[in-house]
Amino acid sequence: MIVIDEEFCKGCEVCVEFCPTRVLEMSETLNRKGYYPPLVERERDCHGCRLCELLCSEFAIFIVNE
């Protein structure tokens, strides 16, 4: 399961750009700080590589194993 804390996200798009399976897409809705956070669009395609988690400089995204 991919968890995104939208209030920490600064909309840099690094997680979206580097996701090998294109699970994430950018939102069209602003968060409270005025940034566009990513959305999990295809979670079933996620392989759990944690690249998005590792690249997020704001610690706004993480993977939870079920």
C-alpha atoms as a PDB file:
ATOM      1  CA  MET A   1       0.000   0.000   0.000  1.00  0.00           C
ATOM      2  CA  ILE A   2       1.370   3.424  -0.965  1.00  0.00           C
ATOM      3  CA  VAL A   3       0.745   6.235   1.511  1.00  0.00           C
ATOM      4  CA  ILE A   4       1.198   9.884   0.539  1.00  0.00           C
ATOM      5  CA  ASP A   5       1.107  12.618   3.157  1.00  0.00           C
ATOM      6  CA  GLU A   6      -0.132  15.436   0.959  1.00  0.00           C
ATOM      7  CA  GLU A   7       0.714  18.107   3.521  1.00  0.00           C
ATOM      8  CA  PHE A   8       4.448  17.231   3.421  1.00  0.00           C
ATOM      9  CA  CYS A   9       4.573  17.008  -0.385  1.00  0.00           C
ATOM     10  CA  LYS A  10       6.074  19.932  -2.299  1.00  0.00           C
ATOM     11  CA  GLY A  11       5.018  18.714  -5.750  1.00  0.00           C
ATOM     12  CA  CYS A  12       8.508  18.092  -7.116  1.00  0.00           C
ATOM     13  CA  GLU A  13       7.264  15.157  -9.255  1.00  0.00           C
ATOM     14  CA  VAL A  14      10.392  13.064  -8.599  1.00  0.00           C
ATOM     15  CA  CYS A  15       8.321  10.087  -7.425  1.00  0.00           C
ATOM     16  CA  VAL A  16       6.160  10.266 -10.558  1.00  0.00           C
ATOM     17  CA  GLU A  17       9.105  10.594 -12.947  1.00  0.00           C
ATOM     18  CA  PHE A  18      11.165   7.741 -11.498  1.00  0.00           C
ATOM     19  CA  CYS A  19       8.432   5.178 -10.799  1.00  0.00           C
ATOM     20  CA  PRO A  20       9.355   2.219 -13.039  1.00  0.00           C
ATOM     21  CA  THR A  21       5.737   1.046 -13.335  1.00  0.00           C
ATOM     22  CA  ARG A  22       4.063   4.480 -13.617  1.00  0.00           C
ATOM     23  CA  VAL A  23       1.876   3.938 -10.552  1.00  0.00           C
ATOM     24  CA  LEU A  24       1.756   7.632  -9.621  1.00  0.00           C
ATOM     25  CA  GLU A  25       0.321  10.655 -11.397  1.00  0.00           C
ATOM     26  CA  MET A  26       0.205  14.295 -10.393  1.00  0.00           C
ATOM     27  CA  SER A  27      -3.014  15.615  -8.903  1.00  0.00           C
ATOM     28  CA  GLU A  28      -4.906  18.556 -10.329  1.00  0.00           C
ATOM     29  CA  THR A  29      -5.861  19.671  -6.820  1.00  0.00           C
ATOM     30  CA  LEU A  30      -3.598  21.812  -4.647  1.00  0.00           C
ATOM     31  CA  ASN A  31      -2.691  20.868  -1.094  1.00  0.00           C
ATOM     32  CA  ARG A  32      -2.845  23.466   1.712  1.00  0.00           C
ATOM     33  CA  LYS A  33       0.650  24.724   0.868  1.00  0.00           C
ATOM     34  CA  GLY A  34      -0.230  25.308  -2.791  1.00  0.00           C
ATOM     35  CA  TYR A  35       1.525  22.282  -4.317  1.00  0.00           C
ATOM     36  CA  TYR A  36       0.137  19.524  -6.517  1.00  0.00           C
ATOM     37  CA  PRO A  37       0.774  16.201  -4.740  1.00  0.00           C
ATOM     38  CA  PRO A  38       0.921  12.856  -6.548  1.00  0.00           C
ATOM     39  CA  LEU A  39      -1.985  10.429  -6.645  1.00  0.00           C
ATOM     40  CA  VAL A  40      -1.806   6.652  -6.567  1.00  0.00           C
ATOM     41  CA  GLU A  41      -3.545   5.716  -9.810  1.00  0.00           C
ATOM     42  CA  ARG A  42      -2.466   2.111 -10.399  1.00  0.00           C
ATOM     43  CA  GLU A  43      -1.518   0.654  -7.012  1.00  0.00           C
ATOM     44  CA  ARG A  44      -1.947  -2.927  -8.232  1.00  0.00           C
ATOM     45  CA  ASP A  45       0.970  -2.304 -10.649  1.00  0.00           C
ATOM     46  CA  CYS A  46       3.310  -1.376  -7.776  1.00  0.00           C
ATOM     47  CA  HIS A  47       6.180  -3.842  -7.321  1.00  0.00           C
ATOM     48  CA  GLY A  48       7.181  -2.454  -3.935  1.00  0.00           C
ATOM     49  CA  CYS A  49      10.615  -1.259  -5.063  1.00  0.00           C
ATOM     50  CA  ARG A  50      10.352   1.732  -2.679  1.00  0.00           C
ATOM     51  CA  LEU A  51      12.100   4.028  -5.144  1.00  0.00           C
ATOM     52  CA  CYS A  52       9.447   6.709  -4.596  1.00  0.00           C
ATOM     53  CA  GLU A  53       9.990   6.449  -0.848  1.00  0.00           C
ATOM     54  CA  LEU A  54      13.775   6.661  -1.169  1.00  0.00           C
ATOM     55  CA  LEU A  55      13.753   9.638  -3.551  1.00  0.00           C
ATOM     56  CA  CYS A  56      11.248  11.789  -1.654  1.00  0.00           C
ATOM     57  CA  SER A  57      13.251  14.548   0.015  1.00  0.00           C
ATOM     58  CA  GLU A  58      10.239  15.570   2.116  1.00  0.00           C
ATOM     59  CA  PHE A  59       9.463  12.045   3.432  1.00  0.00           C
ATOM     60  CA  ALA A  60       5.926  12.493   2.129  1.00  0.00           C
ATOM     61  CA  ILE A  61       5.544   9.032   0.592  1.00  0.00           C
ATOM     62  CA  PHE A  62       6.072   5.584   2.042  1.00  0.00           C
ATOM     63  CA  ILE A  63       5.159   1.965   1.453  1.00  0.00           C
ATOM     64  CA  VAL A  64       3.254  -0.095   4.007  1.00  0.00           C
ATOM     65  CA  ASN A  65       3.478  -3.854   3.671  1.00  0.00           C
ATOM     66  CA  GLU A  66       0.189  -5.574   4.340  1.00  0.00           C
END
